[in-house]
Amino acid sequence: MIYRYIYILFLILFISCGVYSYKGTLPSNIDNMSIAAITNNTSEFSFTNILNDDLYKTIIKNNIIEIVDSRGADSILEISIDKINDSPEIYSLNDNLYGGINKWKMELFVDVKWINLKDGSIILDKRFSKWAIYNTSGVDIKHDGLDNDLDGFLDEEDSDEYGAPRESAIKIIVSKISNQIINELTSTW
């Protein structure tokens, strides 16, 4: 009798584990993706190449979905960089009582659309935004005493805080946006 229960338990575990897949509910007619040229509606053109490179590297590194040329693609990912805001975050007064800006907050807004080319349906249509803080001192970002990406690590402790302040903020934002896009793509599965 006990063998019968063990057999049933084993069968249930085998069946439940056997149907698990990383792709989950990805439409059955999609095996690959093409990434369209990123549209940049801002004057900050460096975002385009950095985001494109980071997105490709992340998808390929994590083996998320096969990236192919648009002619043989089952789906296409369209990305549009819509807006960038650079806004003062902290003001201060100097000895002459002139105001100055010590920190800036850069925010990026991106629209993402993932289209099933087999049936024309839209799998994902979402707007993302991420931000980073940088200083105006011109000091390398790894010595600015700020947690530029609010990950709990300061300066040398943080692997993604290095280089010129504004350029580093761009890299931080792009990495955050890229990860957010990947998370959203895989969560739709």
N, C-alpha and C. Protein backbone atom coordinates (compact mmCIF):
# COMPACT_ATOMS: atom_id res chain seq x y z
N MET A 1 0.81 -1.18 0.00
CA MET A 1 0.00 0.00 0.00
C MET A 1 0.87 1.26 0.00
N ILE A 2 1.93 1.25 0.82
CA ILE A 2 2.81 2.41 0.89
C ILE A 2 3.54 2.64 -0.44
N TYR A 3 3.84 1.56 -1.14
CA TYR A 3 4.49 1.69 -2.45
C TYR A 3 3.58 2.39 -3.45
N ARG A 4 2.31 2.15 -3.30
CA ARG A 4 1.34 2.78 -4.19
C ARG A 4 1.35 4.30 -3.98
N TYR A 5 1.40 4.76 -2.72
CA TYR A 5 1.44 6.19 -2.43
C TYR A 5 2.75 6.82 -2.90
N ILE A 6 3.84 6.11 -2.72
CA ILE A 6 5.13 6.60 -3.20
C ILE A 6 5.12 6.72 -4.71
N TYR A 7 4.55 5.74 -5.38
CA TYR A 7 4.46 5.77 -6.84
C TYR A 7 3.62 6.96 -7.31
N ILE A 8 2.49 7.20 -6.66
CA ILE A 8 1.62 8.32 -7.03
C ILE A 8 2.33 9.65 -6.77
N LEU A 9 3.01 9.77 -5.64
CA LEU A 9 3.76 10.98 -5.32
C LEU A 9 4.86 11.21 -6.35
N PHE A 10 5.59 10.16 -6.69
CA PHE A 10 6.64 10.26 -7.70
C PHE A 10 6.06 10.69 -9.04
N LEU A 11 4.96 10.14 -9.43
CA LEU A 11 4.30 10.47 -10.69
C LEU A 11 3.86 11.93 -10.71
N ILE A 12 3.31 12.40 -9.62
CA ILE A 12 2.88 13.79 -9.54
C ILE A 12 4.09 14.73 -9.64
N LEU A 13 5.15 14.42 -8.92
CA LEU A 13 6.36 15.25 -8.99
C LEU A 13 6.97 15.24 -10.38
N PHE A 14 7.01 14.08 -11.00
CA PHE A 14 7.58 13.96 -12.34
C PHE A 14 6.78 14.77 -13.35
N ILE A 15 5.49 14.69 -13.29
CA ILE A 15 4.63 15.41 -14.24
C ILE A 15 4.73 16.91 -13.99
N SER A 16 4.70 17.34 -12.74
CA SER A 16 4.75 18.78 -12.46
C SER A 16 6.10 19.37 -12.84
N CYS A 17 7.18 18.64 -12.65
CA CYS A 17 8.50 19.13 -13.02
C CYS A 17 8.72 19.01 -14.53
N GLY A 18 8.12 18.06 -15.14
CA GLY A 18 8.32 17.83 -16.57
C GLY A 18 7.71 18.89 -17.44
N VAL A 19 6.68 19.60 -16.98
CA VAL A 19 6.05 20.61 -17.80
C VAL A 19 6.61 22.01 -17.54
N TYR A 20 7.52 22.12 -16.60
CA TYR A 20 8.11 23.42 -16.31
C TYR A 20 9.06 23.81 -17.43
N SER A 21 8.99 25.07 -17.82
CA SER A 21 9.87 25.58 -18.85
C SER A 21 10.22 27.02 -18.51
N TYR A 22 11.42 27.46 -18.86
CA TYR A 22 11.82 28.83 -18.63
C TYR A 22 11.00 29.79 -19.48
N LYS A 23 10.63 29.34 -20.68
CA LYS A 23 9.88 30.20 -21.58
C LYS A 23 8.42 30.34 -21.17
N GLY A 24 7.90 29.44 -20.39
CA GLY A 24 6.56 29.58 -19.88
C GLY A 24 5.52 29.72 -20.97
N THR A 25 4.82 30.86 -20.99
CA THR A 25 3.71 31.05 -21.91
C THR A 25 4.10 31.84 -23.16
N LEU A 26 5.34 31.81 -23.53
CA LEU A 26 5.77 32.46 -24.77
C LEU A 26 4.95 31.87 -25.90
N PRO A 27 4.36 32.69 -26.75
CA PRO A 27 3.55 32.14 -27.84
C PRO A 27 4.31 31.06 -28.61
N SER A 28 3.60 30.00 -28.93
CA SER A 28 4.25 28.83 -29.52
C SER A 28 4.88 29.11 -30.88
N ASN A 29 4.41 30.13 -31.57
CA ASN A 29 4.98 30.41 -32.89
C ASN A 29 6.16 31.38 -32.84
N ILE A 30 6.66 31.69 -31.65
CA ILE A 30 7.82 32.59 -31.52
C ILE A 30 9.01 31.82 -30.98
N ASP A 31 10.05 31.76 -31.79
CA ASP A 31 11.30 31.12 -31.39
C ASP A 31 12.46 32.10 -31.37
N ASN A 32 12.27 33.28 -31.98
CA ASN A 32 13.36 34.24 -32.08
C ASN A 32 12.82 35.66 -32.11
N MET A 33 13.76 36.60 -32.12
CA MET A 33 13.40 38.01 -32.08
C MET A 33 14.40 38.82 -32.88
N SER A 34 13.91 39.85 -33.50
CA SER A 34 14.75 40.85 -34.14
C SER A 34 14.61 42.13 -33.33
N ILE A 35 15.70 42.86 -33.21
CA ILE A 35 15.64 44.14 -32.50
C ILE A 35 15.78 45.23 -33.55
N ALA A 36 14.73 46.03 -33.69
CA ALA A 36 14.74 47.13 -34.66
C ALA A 36 15.73 48.20 -34.22
N ALA A 37 16.16 49.02 -35.18
CA ALA A 37 17.03 50.14 -34.85
C ALA A 37 16.31 51.03 -33.85
N ILE A 38 17.01 51.41 -32.80
CA ILE A 38 16.40 52.21 -31.74
C ILE A 38 16.14 53.62 -32.25
N THR A 39 14.94 54.08 -32.03
CA THR A 39 14.56 55.45 -32.38
C THR A 39 14.89 56.35 -31.21
N ASN A 40 15.62 57.43 -31.48
CA ASN A 40 16.01 58.36 -30.43
C ASN A 40 15.40 59.72 -30.73
N ASN A 41 14.44 60.14 -29.94
CA ASN A 41 13.75 61.42 -30.12
C ASN A 41 14.36 62.52 -29.26
N THR A 42 15.60 62.33 -28.83
CA THR A 42 16.27 63.31 -27.98
C THR A 42 17.53 63.80 -28.68
N SER A 43 18.19 64.76 -28.07
CA SER A 43 19.46 65.25 -28.60
C SER A 43 20.65 64.52 -27.99
N GLU A 44 20.40 63.57 -27.11
CA GLU A 44 21.46 62.80 -26.45
C GLU A 44 21.66 61.50 -27.23
N PHE A 45 22.46 61.55 -28.28
CA PHE A 45 22.59 60.42 -29.20
C PHE A 45 23.40 59.26 -28.65
N SER A 46 24.20 59.49 -27.62
CA SER A 46 25.00 58.41 -27.06
C SER A 46 24.13 57.31 -26.45
N PHE A 47 22.93 57.66 -26.01
CA PHE A 47 22.04 56.66 -25.42
C PHE A 47 21.72 55.53 -26.40
N THR A 48 21.58 55.86 -27.66
CA THR A 48 21.16 54.87 -28.66
C THR A 48 22.13 53.71 -28.75
N ASN A 49 23.40 54.00 -28.98
CA ASN A 49 24.40 52.93 -29.12
C ASN A 49 24.63 52.18 -27.83
N ILE A 50 24.67 52.90 -26.72
CA ILE A 50 24.92 52.25 -25.44
C ILE A 50 23.77 51.31 -25.08
N LEU A 51 22.53 51.75 -25.27
CA LEU A 51 21.38 50.91 -24.97
C LEU A 51 21.33 49.71 -25.91
N ASN A 52 21.57 49.93 -27.17
CA ASN A 52 21.57 48.84 -28.16
C ASN A 52 22.60 47.77 -27.78
N ASP A 53 23.83 48.19 -27.50
CA ASP A 53 24.89 47.24 -27.13
C ASP A 53 24.56 46.50 -25.84
N ASP A 54 24.09 47.23 -24.84
CA ASP A 54 23.79 46.62 -23.54
C ASP A 54 22.65 45.61 -23.66
N LEU A 55 21.64 45.95 -24.43
CA LEU A 55 20.49 45.05 -24.60
C LEU A 55 20.90 43.77 -25.32
N TYR A 56 21.66 43.89 -26.39
CA TYR A 56 22.13 42.70 -27.11
C TYR A 56 22.97 41.81 -26.20
N LYS A 57 23.91 42.42 -25.49
CA LYS A 57 24.80 41.65 -24.61
C LYS A 57 24.01 40.92 -23.53
N THR A 58 23.03 41.60 -22.94
CA THR A 58 22.25 40.99 -21.87
C THR A 58 21.40 39.83 -22.39
N ILE A 59 20.77 40.01 -23.53
CA ILE A 59 19.94 38.94 -24.11
C ILE A 59 20.78 37.74 -24.48
N ILE A 60 21.91 37.96 -25.11
CA ILE A 60 22.77 36.86 -25.54
C ILE A 60 23.44 36.19 -24.33
N LYS A 61 23.94 36.98 -23.39
CA LYS A 61 24.61 36.42 -22.21
C LYS A 61 23.67 35.52 -21.40
N ASN A 62 22.42 35.93 -21.25
CA ASN A 62 21.46 35.17 -20.45
C ASN A 62 20.67 34.18 -21.28
N ASN A 63 20.99 34.06 -22.56
CA ASN A 63 20.34 33.09 -23.46
C ASN A 63 18.81 33.18 -23.35
N ILE A 64 18.30 34.38 -23.47
CA ILE A 64 16.88 34.62 -23.27
C ILE A 64 16.07 34.20 -24.49
N ILE A 65 16.45 34.67 -25.65
CA ILE A 65 15.77 34.32 -26.90
C ILE A 65 16.78 34.54 -28.02
N GLU A 66 16.66 33.79 -29.08
CA GLU A 66 17.58 33.91 -30.20
C GLU A 66 17.34 35.24 -30.92
N ILE A 67 18.42 35.97 -31.17
CA ILE A 67 18.36 37.23 -31.91
C ILE A 67 18.70 36.93 -33.37
N VAL A 68 17.81 37.34 -34.28
CA VAL A 68 18.01 37.08 -35.70
C VAL A 68 17.80 38.35 -36.50
N ASP A 69 18.13 38.28 -37.78
CA ASP A 69 17.88 39.35 -38.72
C ASP A 69 16.37 39.53 -38.89
N SER A 70 15.94 40.71 -39.22
CA SER A 70 14.50 40.99 -39.30
C SER A 70 13.78 40.16 -40.37
N ARG A 71 14.50 39.71 -41.42
CA ARG A 71 13.85 38.94 -42.49
C ARG A 71 13.37 37.57 -42.02
N GLY A 72 14.04 36.97 -41.05
CA GLY A 72 13.64 35.64 -40.59
C GLY A 72 13.06 35.64 -39.19
N ALA A 73 12.66 36.81 -38.70
CA ALA A 73 12.22 36.92 -37.31
C ALA A 73 10.76 36.53 -37.12
N ASP A 74 10.50 35.91 -35.97
CA ASP A 74 9.13 35.60 -35.55
C ASP A 74 8.51 36.78 -34.82
N SER A 75 9.38 37.62 -34.22
CA SER A 75 8.90 38.78 -33.47
C SER A 75 9.93 39.89 -33.60
N ILE A 76 9.49 41.11 -33.27
CA ILE A 76 10.41 42.24 -33.34
C ILE A 76 10.23 43.11 -32.10
N LEU A 77 11.35 43.61 -31.60
CA LEU A 77 11.36 44.49 -30.44
C LEU A 77 11.66 45.90 -30.94
N GLU A 78 10.73 46.82 -30.72
CA GLU A 78 10.90 48.20 -31.13
C GLU A 78 11.08 49.06 -29.89
N ILE A 79 12.15 49.85 -29.89
CA ILE A 79 12.47 50.69 -28.74
C ILE A 79 12.60 52.13 -29.20
N SER A 80 11.97 53.02 -28.44
CA SER A 80 12.03 54.44 -28.75
C SER A 80 12.45 55.20 -27.50
N ILE A 81 13.57 55.91 -27.60
CA ILE A 81 14.00 56.77 -26.50
C ILE A 81 13.21 58.06 -26.65
N ASP A 82 12.32 58.28 -25.71
CA ASP A 82 11.35 59.36 -25.85
C ASP A 82 11.81 60.68 -25.25
N LYS A 83 12.38 60.61 -24.03
CA LYS A 83 12.70 61.85 -23.34
C LYS A 83 13.81 61.62 -22.33
N ILE A 84 14.63 62.66 -22.15
CA ILE A 84 15.67 62.67 -21.12
C ILE A 84 15.50 63.95 -20.32
N ASN A 85 15.46 63.80 -19.02
CA ASN A 85 15.39 64.97 -18.13
C ASN A 85 16.67 65.06 -17.33
N ASP A 86 17.31 66.20 -17.37
CA ASP A 86 18.41 66.53 -16.48
C ASP A 86 17.89 67.62 -15.57
N SER A 87 17.71 67.30 -14.30
CA SER A 87 17.15 68.30 -13.38
C SER A 87 18.05 68.44 -12.15
N PRO A 88 18.14 69.66 -11.62
CA PRO A 88 18.95 69.87 -10.42
C PRO A 88 18.37 69.09 -9.24
N GLU A 89 19.24 68.47 -8.48
CA GLU A 89 18.80 67.67 -7.34
C GLU A 89 19.13 68.35 -6.01
N ILE A 90 20.32 68.98 -5.91
CA ILE A 90 20.73 69.66 -4.67
C ILE A 90 21.37 71.00 -5.01
N TYR A 91 20.84 72.05 -4.40
CA TYR A 91 21.39 73.39 -4.55
C TYR A 91 22.21 73.72 -3.31
N SER A 92 23.18 74.62 -3.49
CA SER A 92 23.93 75.10 -2.32
C SER A 92 24.37 76.54 -2.56
N LEU A 93 24.72 77.20 -1.50
CA LEU A 93 25.23 78.57 -1.59
C LEU A 93 26.73 78.55 -1.31
N ASN A 94 27.47 79.36 -2.07
CA ASN A 94 28.90 79.46 -1.79
C ASN A 94 29.17 80.69 -0.93
N ASP A 95 30.42 81.05 -0.70
CA ASP A 95 30.78 82.17 0.19
C ASP A 95 30.23 83.50 -0.30
N ASN A 96 30.06 83.66 -1.60
CA ASN A 96 29.55 84.91 -2.16
C ASN A 96 28.03 84.92 -2.25
N LEU A 97 27.39 83.93 -1.66
CA LEU A 97 25.94 83.77 -1.65
C LEU A 97 25.35 83.55 -3.04
N TYR A 98 26.18 83.01 -3.92
CA TYR A 98 25.66 82.60 -5.23
C TYR A 98 25.24 81.14 -5.13
N GLY A 99 24.13 80.86 -5.73
CA GLY A 99 23.64 79.49 -5.70
C GLY A 99 24.34 78.63 -6.73
N GLY A 100 24.46 77.39 -6.41
CA GLY A 100 25.06 76.43 -7.32
C GLY A 100 24.36 75.09 -7.22
N ILE A 101 24.57 74.29 -8.21
CA ILE A 101 23.97 72.95 -8.22
C ILE A 101 25.06 71.94 -7.94
N ASN A 102 24.86 71.14 -6.90
CA ASN A 102 25.86 70.13 -6.53
C ASN A 102 25.58 68.78 -7.16
N LYS A 103 24.31 68.44 -7.31
CA LYS A 103 23.96 67.14 -7.89
C LYS A 103 22.85 67.32 -8.91
N TRP A 104 22.93 66.47 -9.93
CA TRP A 104 21.90 66.44 -10.97
C TRP A 104 21.25 65.06 -10.98
N LYS A 105 20.00 65.05 -11.37
CA LYS A 105 19.28 63.80 -11.55
C LYS A 105 18.94 63.68 -13.04
N MET A 106 19.44 62.61 -13.64
CA MET A 106 19.15 62.34 -15.04
C MET A 106 18.14 61.21 -15.11
N GLU A 107 17.07 61.42 -15.87
CA GLU A 107 16.01 60.43 -16.01
C GLU A 107 15.77 60.16 -17.48
N LEU A 108 15.62 58.88 -17.81
CA LEU A 108 15.42 58.45 -19.19
C LEU A 108 14.05 57.79 -19.31
N PHE A 109 13.31 58.13 -20.36
CA PHE A 109 12.00 57.54 -20.65
C PHE A 109 12.07 56.80 -21.98
N VAL A 110 11.70 55.53 -21.95
CA VAL A 110 11.82 54.66 -23.12
C VAL A 110 10.48 53.95 -23.35
N ASP A 111 10.04 53.93 -24.60
CA ASP A 111 8.85 53.16 -24.98
C ASP A 111 9.31 51.88 -25.66
N VAL A 112 8.73 50.74 -25.25
CA VAL A 112 9.12 49.43 -25.77
C VAL A 112 7.88 48.72 -26.29
N LYS A 113 8.00 48.18 -27.49
CA LYS A 113 6.90 47.41 -28.06
C LYS A 113 7.48 46.12 -28.63
N TRP A 114 6.91 44.99 -28.24
CA TRP A 114 7.32 43.68 -28.74
C TRP A 114 6.15 43.14 -29.55
N ILE A 115 6.39 42.90 -30.83
CA ILE A 115 5.33 42.52 -31.75
C ILE A 115 5.55 41.11 -32.28
N ASN A 116 4.49 40.30 -32.24
CA ASN A 116 4.49 38.97 -32.82
C ASN A 116 4.27 39.14 -34.32
N LEU A 117 5.29 38.87 -35.13
CA LEU A 117 5.19 39.07 -36.57
C LEU A 117 4.38 37.99 -37.26
N LYS A 118 4.16 36.89 -36.60
CA LYS A 118 3.39 35.80 -37.19
C LYS A 118 1.91 36.12 -37.29
N ASP A 119 1.38 36.78 -36.25
CA ASP A 119 -0.06 37.09 -36.27
C ASP A 119 -0.35 38.58 -36.06
N GLY A 120 0.69 39.40 -35.93
CA GLY A 120 0.51 40.84 -35.80
C GLY A 120 0.11 41.32 -34.41
N SER A 121 0.02 40.43 -33.44
CA SER A 121 -0.39 40.83 -32.10
C SER A 121 0.76 41.51 -31.36
N ILE A 122 0.40 42.35 -30.42
CA ILE A 122 1.38 43.04 -29.59
C ILE A 122 1.51 42.27 -28.28
N ILE A 123 2.73 41.78 -28.04
CA ILE A 123 3.01 41.00 -26.83
C ILE A 123 3.26 41.93 -25.66
N LEU A 124 3.95 43.03 -25.92
CA LEU A 124 4.32 43.97 -24.87
C LEU A 124 4.29 45.38 -25.45
N ASP A 125 3.70 46.30 -24.72
CA ASP A 125 3.68 47.71 -25.10
C ASP A 125 3.74 48.50 -23.79
N LYS A 126 4.94 49.00 -23.46
CA LYS A 126 5.12 49.59 -22.14
C LYS A 126 6.12 50.73 -22.18
N ARG A 127 5.97 51.64 -21.24
CA ARG A 127 6.91 52.75 -21.07
C ARG A 127 7.74 52.50 -19.82
N PHE A 128 9.04 52.71 -19.93
CA PHE A 128 9.95 52.52 -18.82
C PHE A 128 10.65 53.84 -18.52
N SER A 129 11.01 54.03 -17.26
CA SER A 129 11.85 55.17 -16.91
C SER A 129 12.78 54.75 -15.77
N LYS A 130 13.99 55.22 -15.86
CA LYS A 130 14.99 54.99 -14.82
C LYS A 130 15.82 56.26 -14.69
N TRP A 131 16.51 56.39 -13.57
CA TRP A 131 17.30 57.58 -13.32
C TRP A 131 18.58 57.25 -12.57
N ALA A 132 19.48 58.24 -12.57
CA ALA A 132 20.73 58.17 -11.80
C ALA A 132 21.10 59.59 -11.38
N ILE A 133 21.89 59.68 -10.34
CA ILE A 133 22.34 60.98 -9.83
C ILE A 133 23.83 61.12 -10.11
N TYR A 134 24.24 62.32 -10.47
CA TYR A 134 25.67 62.58 -10.67
C TYR A 134 26.01 63.96 -10.13
N ASN A 135 27.29 64.15 -9.80
CA ASN A 135 27.71 65.43 -9.23
C ASN A 135 28.22 66.35 -10.32
N THR A 136 28.48 67.59 -9.95
CA THR A 136 28.96 68.58 -10.92
C THR A 136 30.42 68.95 -10.68
N SER A 137 31.08 68.24 -9.80
CA SER A 137 32.45 68.60 -9.44
C SER A 137 33.47 68.23 -10.51
N GLY A 138 33.09 67.35 -11.41
CA GLY A 138 34.04 66.89 -12.42
C GLY A 138 34.93 65.76 -11.93
N VAL A 139 34.78 65.41 -10.65
CA VAL A 139 35.56 64.33 -10.06
C VAL A 139 35.02 63.01 -10.59
N ASP A 140 35.91 62.04 -10.77
CA ASP A 140 35.49 60.70 -11.19
C ASP A 140 34.37 60.23 -10.27
N ILE A 141 33.36 59.64 -10.85
CA ILE A 141 32.16 59.24 -10.10
C ILE A 141 32.48 58.23 -8.98
N LYS A 142 33.60 57.53 -9.09
CA LYS A 142 33.94 56.57 -8.03
C LYS A 142 34.51 57.26 -6.80
N HIS A 143 34.68 58.59 -6.86
CA HIS A 143 35.18 59.34 -5.71
C HIS A 143 34.23 60.47 -5.29
N ASP A 144 32.98 60.40 -5.72
CA ASP A 144 32.08 61.53 -5.45
C ASP A 144 31.30 61.41 -4.14
N GLY A 145 31.39 60.28 -3.45
CA GLY A 145 30.71 60.11 -2.19
C GLY A 145 29.20 59.93 -2.32
N LEU A 146 28.73 59.62 -3.52
CA LEU A 146 27.29 59.44 -3.76
C LEU A 146 27.00 57.99 -4.13
N ASP A 147 25.82 57.56 -3.77
CA ASP A 147 25.30 56.28 -4.26
C ASP A 147 24.50 56.64 -5.51
N ASN A 148 25.17 56.72 -6.63
CA ASN A 148 24.59 57.25 -7.86
C ASN A 148 23.40 56.46 -8.39
N ASP A 149 23.34 55.19 -8.09
CA ASP A 149 22.24 54.36 -8.60
C ASP A 149 21.37 53.79 -7.49
N LEU A 150 21.58 54.24 -6.27
CA LEU A 150 20.81 53.82 -5.09
C LEU A 150 20.75 52.31 -4.91
N ASP A 151 21.90 51.65 -5.11
CA ASP A 151 21.96 50.21 -4.90
C ASP A 151 22.59 49.85 -3.56
N GLY A 152 22.89 50.86 -2.75
CA GLY A 152 23.44 50.61 -1.42
C GLY A 152 24.95 50.60 -1.37
N PHE A 153 25.62 50.78 -2.52
CA PHE A 153 27.08 50.77 -2.56
C PHE A 153 27.59 52.14 -2.97
N LEU A 154 28.68 52.56 -2.31
CA LEU A 154 29.29 53.85 -2.61
C LEU A 154 30.63 53.66 -3.31
N ASP A 155 30.86 54.49 -4.28
CA ASP A 155 32.15 54.67 -4.93
C ASP A 155 32.88 53.36 -5.27
N GLU A 156 34.05 53.11 -4.65
CA GLU A 156 34.84 51.94 -5.03
C GLU A 156 34.13 50.61 -4.75
N GLU A 157 33.15 50.61 -3.84
CA GLU A 157 32.40 49.39 -3.54
C GLU A 157 31.48 48.99 -4.69
N ASP A 158 31.13 49.95 -5.54
CA ASP A 158 30.14 49.74 -6.60
C ASP A 158 30.85 49.54 -7.94
N SER A 159 30.61 48.41 -8.57
CA SER A 159 31.31 48.08 -9.81
C SER A 159 30.87 48.93 -11.00
N ASP A 160 29.69 49.54 -10.95
CA ASP A 160 29.25 50.33 -12.10
C ASP A 160 29.42 51.84 -11.89
N GLU A 161 30.12 52.24 -10.85
CA GLU A 161 30.39 53.66 -10.62
C GLU A 161 31.86 53.96 -10.93
N TYR A 162 32.08 54.46 -12.14
CA TYR A 162 33.43 54.84 -12.55
C TYR A 162 33.33 55.78 -13.75
N GLY A 163 34.31 56.64 -13.91
CA GLY A 163 34.37 57.53 -15.06
C GLY A 163 33.81 58.91 -14.79
N ALA A 164 33.70 59.68 -15.86
CA ALA A 164 33.17 61.04 -15.78
C ALA A 164 31.73 60.99 -15.29
N PRO A 165 31.32 61.93 -14.44
CA PRO A 165 30.01 61.86 -13.80
C PRO A 165 28.83 61.70 -14.74
N ARG A 166 28.68 62.55 -15.73
CA ARG A 166 27.50 62.47 -16.59
C ARG A 166 27.52 61.23 -17.46
N GLU A 167 28.66 60.88 -18.01
CA GLU A 167 28.76 59.68 -18.84
C GLU A 167 28.50 58.41 -18.02
N SER A 168 28.94 58.41 -16.79
CA SER A 168 28.68 57.27 -15.91
C SER A 168 27.20 57.16 -15.57
N ALA A 169 26.55 58.31 -15.37
CA ALA A 169 25.11 58.31 -15.11
C ALA A 169 24.37 57.72 -16.30
N ILE A 170 24.82 58.04 -17.51
CA ILE A 170 24.21 57.48 -18.72
C ILE A 170 24.34 55.96 -18.73
N LYS A 171 25.54 55.46 -18.42
CA LYS A 171 25.77 54.01 -18.39
C LYS A 171 24.90 53.32 -17.33
N ILE A 172 24.78 53.95 -16.18
CA ILE A 172 23.97 53.38 -15.09
C ILE A 172 22.51 53.29 -15.52
N ILE A 173 21.99 54.38 -16.10
CA ILE A 173 20.59 54.40 -16.54
C ILE A 173 20.35 53.36 -17.62
N VAL A 174 21.23 53.27 -18.59
CA VAL A 174 21.07 52.31 -19.68
C VAL A 174 21.06 50.88 -19.13
N SER A 175 21.94 50.58 -18.19
CA SER A 175 21.97 49.26 -17.60
C SER A 175 20.65 48.95 -16.88
N LYS A 176 20.13 49.93 -16.15
CA LYS A 176 18.86 49.75 -15.45
C LYS A 176 17.71 49.53 -16.43
N ILE A 177 17.67 50.34 -17.49
CA ILE A 177 16.60 50.22 -18.49
C ILE A 177 16.69 48.87 -19.19
N SER A 178 17.90 48.48 -19.57
CA SER A 178 18.10 47.20 -20.25
C SER A 178 17.62 46.04 -19.38
N ASN A 179 17.98 46.05 -18.12
CA ASN A 179 17.53 45.00 -17.20
C ASN A 179 16.02 45.02 -17.01
N GLN A 180 15.44 46.22 -16.97
CA GLN A 180 14.00 46.32 -16.82
C GLN A 180 13.28 45.77 -18.06
N ILE A 181 13.81 46.04 -19.24
CA ILE A 181 13.24 45.51 -20.48
C ILE A 181 13.32 43.99 -20.47
N ILE A 182 14.48 43.44 -20.13
CA ILE A 182 14.65 41.98 -20.09
C ILE A 182 13.69 41.36 -19.08
N ASN A 183 13.58 41.96 -17.90
CA ASN A 183 12.65 41.44 -16.89
C ASN A 183 11.22 41.45 -17.40
N GLU A 184 10.84 42.50 -18.10
CA GLU A 184 9.48 42.59 -18.62
C GLU A 184 9.25 41.58 -19.74
N LEU A 185 10.24 41.40 -20.60
CA LEU A 185 10.12 40.42 -21.68
C LEU A 185 9.90 39.02 -21.10
N THR A 186 10.72 38.65 -20.14
CA THR A 186 10.62 37.31 -19.58
C THR A 186 9.42 37.16 -18.67
N SER A 187 8.92 38.23 -18.10
CA SER A 187 7.74 38.09 -17.25
C SER A 187 6.46 37.91 -18.07
N THR A 188 6.50 38.27 -19.36
CA THR A 188 5.34 38.05 -20.21
C THR A 188 5.24 36.60 -20.65
N TRP A 189 6.31 35.82 -20.39
CA TRP A 189 6.32 34.42 -20.78
C TRP A 189 5.59 33.66 -19.76
